[in-house]
Amino acid sequence: MKKQLIIVMGMLVCLSCKAQNPPLQQIIPLEDYINYQNNDIPIPDNVYFKDINGLLDKYVGTWIGTYNNKTFEFHVVKTTPQSDIRPSVTIEQLYMRYKITDANGNVIENTLNLPDTSPMVIKGSYISRDLTDYFLYYVGQESGCGQHGDIVIFEISTTQMELYFRPGENVYTSNRCPNGPAQQVLPVETALVLTKQ
């Protein structure tokens, strides 16, 4: 009788442990995420859009370029944060931090030490349908005065990529932005060529 009781108790413990495990995530290739967005397909719960094919790996690293006597240094990492859509969706994406210096080495802006939760960390959105471009969203220090927009990066060669920044619409009020729209720190609608370090 004692032996049967131990077996039954053991089975109950196993069942209760199994019941606490969250459901397994369905892994979907990252490149399929754009289909969900463009076609308004509902994303099911417990989905992980994973970079199975390593499409983002070519962008990971430190990249440096110059434009208008300024040096732009970008640090790119691949990460898997929970989605803003809902917590049960995970989307592997790129995060970019940067440091901009003038010709004398003076720092104009530096986000290298900011935590992932900072809005000033440039965050990836999606990879293009043809898998050549990767889109990110940028928010600057003065985002409320127009310092925000979309960034597109694409590979030129294994050691070079281009970064293209298009500012968002300048929606600001004279009360909040008495000097008008903020000066952009990134080259506007100009291909910035970056070299991998």
Protein backbone atom coordinates (compact mmCIF):
# COMPACT_ATOMS: atom_id res chain seq x y z
CA MET A 1 0.00 0.00 0.00
CA LYS A 2 2.83 2.37 0.91
CA LYS A 3 4.50 1.63 -2.43
CA GLN A 4 1.30 2.43 -4.37
CA LEU A 5 0.86 5.68 -2.47
CA ILE A 6 4.43 6.74 -3.36
CA ILE A 7 3.80 5.92 -7.04
CA VAL A 8 0.53 7.90 -7.10
CA MET A 9 2.18 10.87 -5.33
CA GLY A 10 5.08 10.75 -7.81
CA MET A 11 2.65 10.81 -10.75
CA LEU A 12 0.77 13.78 -9.28
CA VAL A 13 4.04 15.71 -8.83
CA CYS A 14 5.01 14.97 -12.45
CA LEU A 15 1.62 16.08 -13.74
CA SER A 16 1.68 19.30 -11.73
CA CYS A 17 5.18 20.13 -13.06
CA LYS A 18 4.05 19.46 -16.60
CA ALA A 19 1.01 21.70 -16.17
CA GLN A 20 3.26 24.64 -15.16
CA ASN A 21 5.35 24.57 -18.33
CA PRO A 22 4.35 27.31 -20.77
CA PRO A 23 3.23 26.18 -24.21
CA LEU A 24 6.05 25.72 -26.69
CA GLN A 25 6.68 28.59 -29.04
CA GLN A 26 6.08 28.05 -32.72
CA ILE A 27 9.25 29.11 -34.57
CA ILE A 28 8.67 31.00 -37.81
CA PRO A 29 11.50 32.30 -40.03
CA LEU A 30 12.11 36.02 -39.49
CA GLU A 31 11.66 36.77 -43.19
CA ASP A 32 8.01 35.66 -42.94
CA TYR A 33 7.20 38.48 -40.48
CA ILE A 34 6.74 40.97 -43.35
CA ASN A 35 3.95 38.76 -44.79
CA TYR A 36 2.04 39.06 -41.52
CA GLN A 37 2.46 42.85 -41.56
CA ASN A 38 1.69 43.49 -45.24
CA ASN A 39 -1.29 41.15 -45.45
CA ASP A 40 -2.84 41.95 -42.06
CA ILE A 41 -2.53 38.31 -41.02
CA PRO A 42 -3.14 37.92 -37.28
CA ILE A 43 -0.05 36.70 -35.43
CA PRO A 44 -0.95 33.70 -33.26
CA ASP A 45 0.12 33.43 -29.62
CA ASN A 46 3.44 31.83 -28.67
CA VAL A 47 5.24 32.68 -31.89
CA TYR A 48 8.98 33.28 -32.21
CA PHE A 49 10.07 35.00 -35.43
CA LYS A 50 13.63 33.69 -35.43
CA ASP A 51 16.51 34.52 -37.74
CA ILE A 52 16.88 30.85 -38.66
CA ASN A 53 18.78 31.64 -41.86
CA GLY A 54 21.21 34.14 -40.32
CA LEU A 55 19.96 37.06 -42.44
CA LEU A 56 20.81 39.59 -39.72
CA ASP A 57 24.27 38.23 -38.90
CA LYS A 58 25.97 40.25 -41.64
CA TYR A 59 24.99 43.49 -39.87
CA VAL A 60 26.22 42.56 -36.38
CA GLY A 61 29.40 44.34 -35.31
CA THR A 62 30.95 47.80 -35.22
CA TRP A 63 30.62 50.02 -38.29
CA ILE A 64 32.29 53.39 -38.96
CA GLY A 65 31.72 56.01 -41.64
CA THR A 66 32.31 59.72 -42.17
CA TYR A 67 30.08 62.41 -43.58
CA ASN A 68 30.31 66.21 -43.46
CA ASN A 69 33.45 66.13 -41.25
CA LYS A 70 31.71 63.91 -38.71
CA THR A 71 32.52 60.33 -37.77
CA PHE A 72 29.60 57.96 -37.23
CA GLU A 73 30.26 54.80 -35.23
CA PHE A 74 27.45 52.25 -34.99
CA HIS A 75 27.42 49.18 -32.74
CA VAL A 76 24.91 46.61 -33.96
CA VAL A 77 23.74 43.60 -31.93
CA LYS A 78 21.13 40.92 -32.57
CA THR A 79 18.64 40.47 -29.75
CA THR A 80 15.36 38.72 -29.00
CA PRO A 81 13.16 41.05 -26.98
CA GLN A 82 9.51 40.40 -26.33
CA SER A 83 7.34 42.03 -28.96
CA ASP A 84 5.52 45.29 -28.39
CA ILE A 85 2.56 43.56 -30.05
CA ARG A 86 2.05 41.26 -27.08
CA PRO A 87 4.26 39.33 -24.64
CA SER A 88 3.64 35.93 -26.22
CA VAL A 89 5.32 37.04 -29.49
CA THR A 90 9.11 37.19 -29.82
CA ILE A 91 10.80 38.84 -32.80
CA GLU A 92 14.54 38.56 -33.28
CA GLN A 93 15.83 41.97 -34.33
CA LEU A 94 18.80 44.31 -34.47
CA TYR A 95 19.55 47.08 -31.97
CA MET A 96 21.91 49.90 -32.95
CA ARG A 97 23.75 52.27 -30.68
CA TYR A 98 25.94 55.04 -31.99
CA LYS A 99 28.52 57.69 -31.28
CA ILE A 100 28.91 60.78 -33.46
CA THR A 101 32.05 62.91 -33.21
CA ASP A 102 33.16 66.05 -35.05
CA ALA A 103 36.49 66.56 -36.85
CA ASN A 104 38.16 67.55 -33.55
CA GLY A 105 36.98 64.39 -31.77
CA ASN A 106 34.29 66.18 -29.75
CA VAL A 107 31.32 63.92 -29.04
CA ILE A 108 28.10 65.26 -30.58
CA GLU A 109 25.90 62.40 -29.42
CA ASN A 110 26.59 59.06 -27.77
CA THR A 111 24.10 56.25 -27.10
CA LEU A 112 26.65 53.43 -26.70
CA ASN A 113 25.99 52.94 -22.98
CA LEU A 114 22.21 53.26 -23.00
CA PRO A 115 20.12 50.27 -21.84
CA ASP A 116 17.95 48.32 -24.29
CA THR A 117 14.87 49.99 -22.83
CA SER A 118 16.00 53.48 -23.88
CA PRO A 119 13.94 54.94 -26.75
CA MET A 120 17.20 56.31 -28.19
CA VAL A 121 18.49 52.81 -28.96
CA ILE A 122 17.69 52.32 -32.65
CA LYS A 123 15.45 49.27 -32.89
CA GLY A 124 14.89 46.97 -35.82
CA SER A 125 11.49 46.54 -37.40
CA TYR A 126 11.62 44.05 -40.27
CA ILE A 127 13.58 42.70 -43.22
CA SER A 128 12.37 43.49 -46.74
CA ARG A 129 10.50 40.90 -48.78
CA ASP A 130 13.49 40.47 -51.12
CA LEU A 131 15.77 40.04 -48.04
CA THR A 132 18.15 42.83 -49.11
CA ASP A 133 17.15 45.71 -46.80
CA TYR A 134 16.62 45.87 -43.06
CA PHE A 135 14.41 48.59 -41.58
CA LEU A 136 14.88 50.20 -38.16
CA TYR A 137 13.26 53.03 -36.25
CA TYR A 138 15.28 55.96 -34.85
CA VAL A 139 14.31 58.34 -32.03
CA GLY A 140 16.66 61.17 -31.09
CA GLN A 141 16.96 63.33 -27.98
CA GLU A 142 14.43 65.78 -29.38
CA SER A 143 11.96 63.33 -30.86
CA GLY A 144 9.03 65.59 -30.01
CA CYS A 145 10.52 68.26 -32.28
CA GLY A 146 11.03 66.02 -35.30
CA GLN A 147 14.19 64.10 -34.39
CA HIS A 148 12.88 60.66 -35.38
CA GLY A 149 12.40 58.56 -38.48
CA ASP A 150 13.16 55.39 -40.41
CA ILE A 151 16.56 53.90 -41.14
CA VAL A 152 17.30 51.38 -43.87
CA ILE A 153 20.54 49.43 -43.96
CA PHE A 154 21.77 47.10 -46.67
CA GLU A 155 24.95 45.23 -47.41
CA ILE A 156 27.27 46.52 -50.14
CA SER A 157 29.95 43.87 -49.52
CA THR A 158 31.03 41.68 -46.60
CA THR A 159 32.83 44.69 -45.09
CA GLN A 160 30.59 47.59 -46.12
CA MET A 161 26.97 48.58 -45.77
CA GLU A 162 24.90 51.67 -46.48
CA LEU A 163 22.70 53.43 -43.97
CA TYR A 164 19.91 55.67 -45.22
CA PHE A 165 17.88 57.88 -42.86
CA ARG A 166 14.51 59.39 -43.69
CA PRO A 167 13.10 61.69 -41.00
CA GLY A 168 9.53 61.26 -39.83
CA GLU A 169 6.99 63.98 -40.28
CA ASN A 170 7.78 67.12 -38.29
CA VAL A 171 4.83 67.36 -35.97
CA TYR A 172 5.64 69.97 -33.37
CA THR A 173 4.12 72.99 -31.70
CA SER A 174 5.74 76.37 -31.09
CA ASN A 175 5.11 75.91 -27.35
CA ARG A 176 7.03 72.65 -27.23
CA CYS A 177 9.60 73.56 -29.89
CA PRO A 178 10.10 77.37 -29.81
CA ASN A 179 13.12 77.08 -32.12
CA GLY A 180 11.26 75.04 -34.72
CA PRO A 181 12.16 71.49 -35.71
CA ALA A 182 15.25 69.93 -34.14
CA GLN A 183 18.48 69.65 -36.11
CA GLN A 184 18.95 66.08 -37.34
CA VAL A 185 22.14 64.35 -36.14
CA LEU A 186 22.09 61.70 -38.87
CA PRO A 187 22.65 62.52 -42.55
CA VAL A 188 19.21 63.10 -44.06
CA GLU A 189 18.25 61.11 -47.16
CA THR A 190 21.90 60.53 -47.97
CA ALA A 191 23.62 57.16 -48.28
CA LEU A 192 26.11 56.90 -45.43
CA VAL A 193 28.69 54.24 -46.30
CA LEU A 194 29.91 52.32 -43.27
CA THR A 195 32.88 49.98 -43.00
CA LYS A 196 32.94 47.02 -40.64
CA GLN A 197 35.70 47.16 -38.05
